[in-house]
Amino acid sequence: MKIGIKYCGGCNPTYDRTEVVSRLKKHLSEGDSVETIKQGIIYDIVVILCGCNRACANYDNLEVIYEKIFITSEYDSAKLFETIDKIKHLQSGE
């Protein structure tokens, strides 16, 4: 699974965004990858990592196979992990 991270500008962060990325990396399996978004790459999942509830990051031009997931607080990481697990289950054909 290839996951792209789109960061907001970080003008008013209310939580530690790098901690969410660290937990994400620990949640993934060997062979999965996480990287900062690069234009022209199509990702399985795009995580729009916003520092606050304004969620002002521009995401219109990001290409994704499954889903774009907004994270606006450290508590949103649970929905990210649930989505990853559901997609992995679908990919495995079970």
N, C-alpha and C. Protein backbone atom coordinates (compact mmCIF):
# COMPACT_ATOMS: atom_id res chain seq x y z
N MET A 1 0.85 -1.17 0.00
CA MET A 1 0.00 0.00 0.00
C MET A 1 0.89 1.24 0.00
N LYS A 2 0.55 2.17 -0.84
CA LYS A 2 1.31 3.42 -0.94
C LYS A 2 0.45 4.56 -0.41
N ILE A 3 0.96 5.21 0.62
CA ILE A 3 0.21 6.30 1.28
C ILE A 3 0.97 7.60 1.11
N GLY A 4 0.27 8.62 0.65
CA GLY A 4 0.84 9.95 0.52
C GLY A 4 0.32 10.86 1.61
N ILE A 5 1.20 11.68 2.15
CA ILE A 5 0.84 12.63 3.21
C ILE A 5 0.88 14.04 2.64
N LYS A 6 -0.23 14.75 2.76
CA LYS A 6 -0.30 16.16 2.38
C LYS A 6 -0.43 16.96 3.67
N TYR A 7 0.57 17.79 3.94
CA TYR A 7 0.56 18.62 5.14
C TYR A 7 -0.08 19.98 4.84
N CYS A 8 -0.77 20.51 5.83
CA CYS A 8 -1.23 21.90 5.73
C CYS A 8 -0.03 22.80 5.97
N GLY A 9 -0.24 24.10 6.00
CA GLY A 9 0.85 25.04 6.21
C GLY A 9 1.39 25.08 7.63
N GLY A 10 0.65 24.51 8.58
CA GLY A 10 1.13 24.44 9.96
C GLY A 10 1.07 25.75 10.70
N CYS A 11 0.15 26.63 10.33
CA CYS A 11 0.11 27.95 10.97
C CYS A 11 -0.47 27.92 12.38
N ASN A 12 -1.29 26.90 12.69
CA ASN A 12 -1.94 26.86 14.00
C ASN A 12 -2.11 25.43 14.48
N PRO A 13 -1.04 24.65 14.55
CA PRO A 13 -1.20 23.23 14.94
C PRO A 13 -1.66 23.08 16.39
N THR A 14 -2.64 22.20 16.57
CA THR A 14 -3.17 21.95 17.91
C THR A 14 -2.76 20.58 18.44
N TYR A 15 -1.95 19.85 17.66
CA TYR A 15 -1.45 18.54 18.08
C TYR A 15 -0.16 18.26 17.32
N ASP A 16 0.53 17.20 17.69
CA ASP A 16 1.80 16.84 17.08
C ASP A 16 1.55 15.97 15.84
N ARG A 17 1.60 16.57 14.68
CA ARG A 17 1.33 15.85 13.43
C ARG A 17 2.37 14.77 13.16
N THR A 18 3.61 15.01 13.57
CA THR A 18 4.65 14.00 13.33
C THR A 18 4.38 12.73 14.14
N GLU A 19 3.74 12.86 15.29
CA GLU A 19 3.39 11.69 16.09
C GLU A 19 2.35 10.83 15.36
N VAL A 20 1.41 11.47 14.68
CA VAL A 20 0.41 10.72 13.90
C VAL A 20 1.11 9.94 12.79
N VAL A 21 2.06 10.56 12.11
CA VAL A 21 2.80 9.87 11.05
C VAL A 21 3.62 8.72 11.62
N SER A 22 4.21 8.91 12.78
CA SER A 22 4.97 7.83 13.43
C SER A 22 4.07 6.64 13.74
N ARG A 23 2.89 6.91 14.27
CA ARG A 23 1.94 5.82 14.57
C ARG A 23 1.47 5.15 13.29
N LEU A 24 1.28 5.94 12.24
CA LEU A 24 0.89 5.38 10.94
C LEU A 24 1.94 4.39 10.45
N LYS A 25 3.19 4.78 10.50
CA LYS A 25 4.27 3.91 10.03
C LYS A 25 4.33 2.62 10.84
N LYS A 26 4.08 2.69 12.14
CA LYS A 26 4.08 1.51 12.99
C LYS A 26 2.91 0.58 12.67
N HIS A 27 1.81 1.15 12.20
CA HIS A 27 0.60 0.39 11.89
C HIS A 27 0.72 -0.39 10.58
N LEU A 28 1.57 0.06 9.69
CA LEU A 28 1.68 -0.55 8.36
C LEU A 28 2.49 -1.82 8.37
N SER A 29 2.31 -2.59 7.32
CA SER A 29 3.04 -3.84 7.14
C SER A 29 4.32 -3.58 6.36
N GLU A 30 5.21 -4.55 6.39
CA GLU A 30 6.43 -4.48 5.59
C GLU A 30 6.03 -4.40 4.12
N GLY A 31 6.68 -3.55 3.38
CA GLY A 31 6.36 -3.37 1.97
C GLY A 31 5.44 -2.19 1.71
N ASP A 32 4.75 -1.72 2.74
CA ASP A 32 3.92 -0.51 2.60
C ASP A 32 4.83 0.70 2.68
N SER A 33 4.39 1.81 2.09
CA SER A 33 5.22 3.01 2.12
C SER A 33 4.39 4.24 2.45
N VAL A 34 5.08 5.19 3.08
CA VAL A 34 4.49 6.48 3.42
C VAL A 34 5.46 7.54 2.95
N GLU A 35 4.95 8.54 2.23
CA GLU A 35 5.81 9.62 1.78
C GLU A 35 5.01 10.91 1.67
N THR A 36 5.73 12.01 1.70
CA THR A 36 5.10 13.30 1.44
C THR A 36 4.65 13.30 -0.02
N ILE A 37 3.48 13.85 -0.25
CA ILE A 37 2.88 13.87 -1.59
C ILE A 37 3.84 14.40 -2.64
N LYS A 38 3.84 13.73 -3.77
CA LYS A 38 4.57 14.19 -4.95
C LYS A 38 3.57 14.28 -6.10
N GLN A 39 3.61 15.39 -6.80
CA GLN A 39 2.69 15.58 -7.93
C GLN A 39 2.91 14.50 -8.97
N GLY A 40 1.81 14.03 -9.57
CA GLY A 40 1.88 13.04 -10.62
C GLY A 40 1.88 11.61 -10.14
N ILE A 41 1.94 11.39 -8.82
CA ILE A 41 1.91 10.04 -8.26
C ILE A 41 0.48 9.75 -7.82
N ILE A 42 0.02 8.54 -8.13
CA ILE A 42 -1.30 8.11 -7.67
C ILE A 42 -1.08 7.21 -6.46
N TYR A 43 -1.69 7.57 -5.34
CA TYR A 43 -1.54 6.85 -4.08
C TYR A 43 -2.77 6.00 -3.80
N ASP A 44 -2.58 4.94 -3.02
CA ASP A 44 -3.73 4.15 -2.58
C ASP A 44 -4.60 4.98 -1.65
N ILE A 45 -3.95 5.65 -0.71
CA ILE A 45 -4.63 6.53 0.24
C ILE A 45 -3.83 7.83 0.32
N VAL A 46 -4.55 8.93 0.40
CA VAL A 46 -3.92 10.23 0.67
C VAL A 46 -4.43 10.70 2.02
N VAL A 47 -3.49 11.04 2.90
CA VAL A 47 -3.82 11.58 4.21
C VAL A 47 -3.57 13.07 4.16
N ILE A 48 -4.63 13.86 4.36
CA ILE A 48 -4.49 15.31 4.44
C ILE A 48 -4.35 15.63 5.91
N LEU A 49 -3.12 15.93 6.30
CA LEU A 49 -2.77 16.09 7.71
C LEU A 49 -2.84 17.57 8.08
N CYS A 50 -3.98 17.97 8.62
CA CYS A 50 -4.24 19.36 8.98
C CYS A 50 -3.96 19.57 10.46
N GLY A 51 -3.35 20.67 10.79
CA GLY A 51 -2.98 20.95 12.17
C GLY A 51 -4.12 21.38 13.05
N CYS A 52 -5.25 21.78 12.44
CA CYS A 52 -6.39 22.24 13.22
C CYS A 52 -7.68 21.92 12.47
N ASN A 53 -8.80 22.33 13.04
CA ASN A 53 -10.12 22.03 12.45
C ASN A 53 -10.45 22.84 11.20
N ARG A 54 -9.66 23.84 10.89
CA ARG A 54 -9.95 24.63 9.67
C ARG A 54 -9.78 23.79 8.41
N ALA A 55 -8.87 22.84 8.45
CA ALA A 55 -8.62 21.93 7.32
C ALA A 55 -8.48 22.70 6.01
N CYS A 56 -7.55 23.64 5.99
CA CYS A 56 -7.42 24.55 4.85
C CYS A 56 -6.47 24.05 3.76
N ALA A 57 -5.87 22.87 3.95
CA ALA A 57 -4.93 22.35 2.95
C ALA A 57 -5.63 22.11 1.62
N ASN A 58 -5.00 22.51 0.53
CA ASN A 58 -5.54 22.30 -0.81
C ASN A 58 -5.27 20.86 -1.23
N TYR A 59 -6.31 20.16 -1.63
CA TYR A 59 -6.18 18.74 -1.97
C TYR A 59 -6.83 18.39 -3.31
N ASP A 60 -7.32 19.37 -4.03
CA ASP A 60 -8.08 19.14 -5.26
C ASP A 60 -7.31 18.35 -6.31
N ASN A 61 -6.02 18.59 -6.45
CA ASN A 61 -5.24 18.00 -7.53
C ASN A 61 -4.56 16.69 -7.14
N LEU A 62 -4.89 16.12 -5.99
CA LEU A 62 -4.26 14.89 -5.53
C LEU A 62 -5.01 13.68 -6.06
N GLU A 63 -4.27 12.73 -6.63
CA GLU A 63 -4.89 11.54 -7.20
C GLU A 63 -4.79 10.38 -6.22
N VAL A 64 -5.91 9.67 -6.08
CA VAL A 64 -5.98 8.61 -5.08
C VAL A 64 -6.83 7.46 -5.64
N ILE A 65 -6.43 6.24 -5.31
CA ILE A 65 -7.19 5.08 -5.75
C ILE A 65 -8.39 4.83 -4.84
N TYR A 66 -8.15 4.84 -3.51
CA TYR A 66 -9.21 4.48 -2.58
C TYR A 66 -9.86 5.66 -1.89
N GLU A 67 -9.08 6.43 -1.15
CA GLU A 67 -9.72 7.44 -0.32
C GLU A 67 -8.75 8.54 0.10
N LYS A 68 -9.31 9.75 0.25
CA LYS A 68 -8.61 10.86 0.88
C LYS A 68 -9.15 10.96 2.29
N ILE A 69 -8.25 10.98 3.27
CA ILE A 69 -8.66 10.99 4.66
C ILE A 69 -8.13 12.25 5.33
N PHE A 70 -9.03 13.00 5.94
CA PHE A 70 -8.65 14.22 6.66
C PHE A 70 -8.36 13.91 8.11
N ILE A 71 -7.22 14.37 8.58
CA ILE A 71 -6.86 14.27 9.99
C ILE A 71 -6.76 15.70 10.51
N THR A 72 -7.61 16.03 11.49
CA THR A 72 -7.59 17.38 12.06
C THR A 72 -7.28 17.36 13.56
N SER A 73 -7.11 16.15 14.11
CA SER A 73 -6.72 16.01 15.51
C SER A 73 -6.06 14.65 15.69
N GLU A 74 -5.37 14.47 16.79
CA GLU A 74 -4.70 13.19 17.04
C GLU A 74 -5.70 12.05 17.16
N TYR A 75 -6.94 12.34 17.48
CA TYR A 75 -7.96 11.31 17.64
C TYR A 75 -8.46 10.77 16.31
N ASP A 76 -8.24 11.52 15.23
CA ASP A 76 -8.68 11.08 13.90
C ASP A 76 -7.84 9.92 13.36
N SER A 77 -6.72 9.64 13.98
CA SER A 77 -5.87 8.57 13.46
C SER A 77 -6.58 7.22 13.53
N ALA A 78 -7.52 7.04 14.45
CA ALA A 78 -8.27 5.78 14.55
C ALA A 78 -9.03 5.51 13.26
N LYS A 79 -9.67 6.54 12.68
CA LYS A 79 -10.41 6.33 11.43
C LYS A 79 -9.44 6.02 10.28
N LEU A 80 -8.25 6.59 10.33
CA LEU A 80 -7.24 6.29 9.32
C LEU A 80 -6.85 4.82 9.38
N PHE A 81 -6.57 4.32 10.57
CA PHE A 81 -6.15 2.92 10.73
C PHE A 81 -7.28 1.96 10.35
N GLU A 82 -8.52 2.31 10.67
CA GLU A 82 -9.67 1.48 10.29
C GLU A 82 -9.79 1.40 8.77
N THR A 83 -9.61 2.53 8.10
CA THR A 83 -9.70 2.56 6.64
C THR A 83 -8.59 1.73 6.01
N ILE A 84 -7.38 1.86 6.53
CA ILE A 84 -6.26 1.07 6.02
C ILE A 84 -6.56 -0.42 6.17
N ASP A 85 -7.05 -0.82 7.33
CA ASP A 85 -7.34 -2.23 7.57
C ASP A 85 -8.44 -2.75 6.64
N LYS A 86 -9.46 -1.95 6.38
CA LYS A 86 -10.54 -2.34 5.47
C LYS A 86 -10.00 -2.52 4.05
N ILE A 87 -9.18 -1.61 3.61
CA ILE A 87 -8.62 -1.68 2.25
C ILE A 87 -7.71 -2.90 2.13
N LYS A 88 -6.88 -3.15 3.13
CA LYS A 88 -6.01 -4.33 3.09
C LYS A 88 -6.83 -5.61 3.04
N HIS A 89 -7.94 -5.63 3.75
CA HIS A 89 -8.82 -6.79 3.73
C HIS A 89 -9.41 -6.98 2.32
N LEU A 90 -9.83 -5.91 1.70
CA LEU A 90 -10.36 -5.99 0.33
C LEU A 90 -9.29 -6.45 -0.65
N GLN A 91 -8.08 -5.92 -0.50
CA GLN A 91 -6.99 -6.28 -1.39
C GLN A 91 -6.60 -7.76 -1.26
N SER A 92 -6.76 -8.31 -0.07
CA SER A 92 -6.36 -9.69 0.15
C SER A 92 -7.38 -10.67 -0.43
N GLY A 93 -8.58 -10.15 -0.77
CA GLY A 93 -9.62 -10.99 -1.35
C GLY A 93 -10.37 -11.85 -0.35
N GLU A 94 -10.21 -11.58 0.91
CA GLU A 94 -10.90 -12.38 1.94
C GLU A 94 -12.32 -11.91 2.13
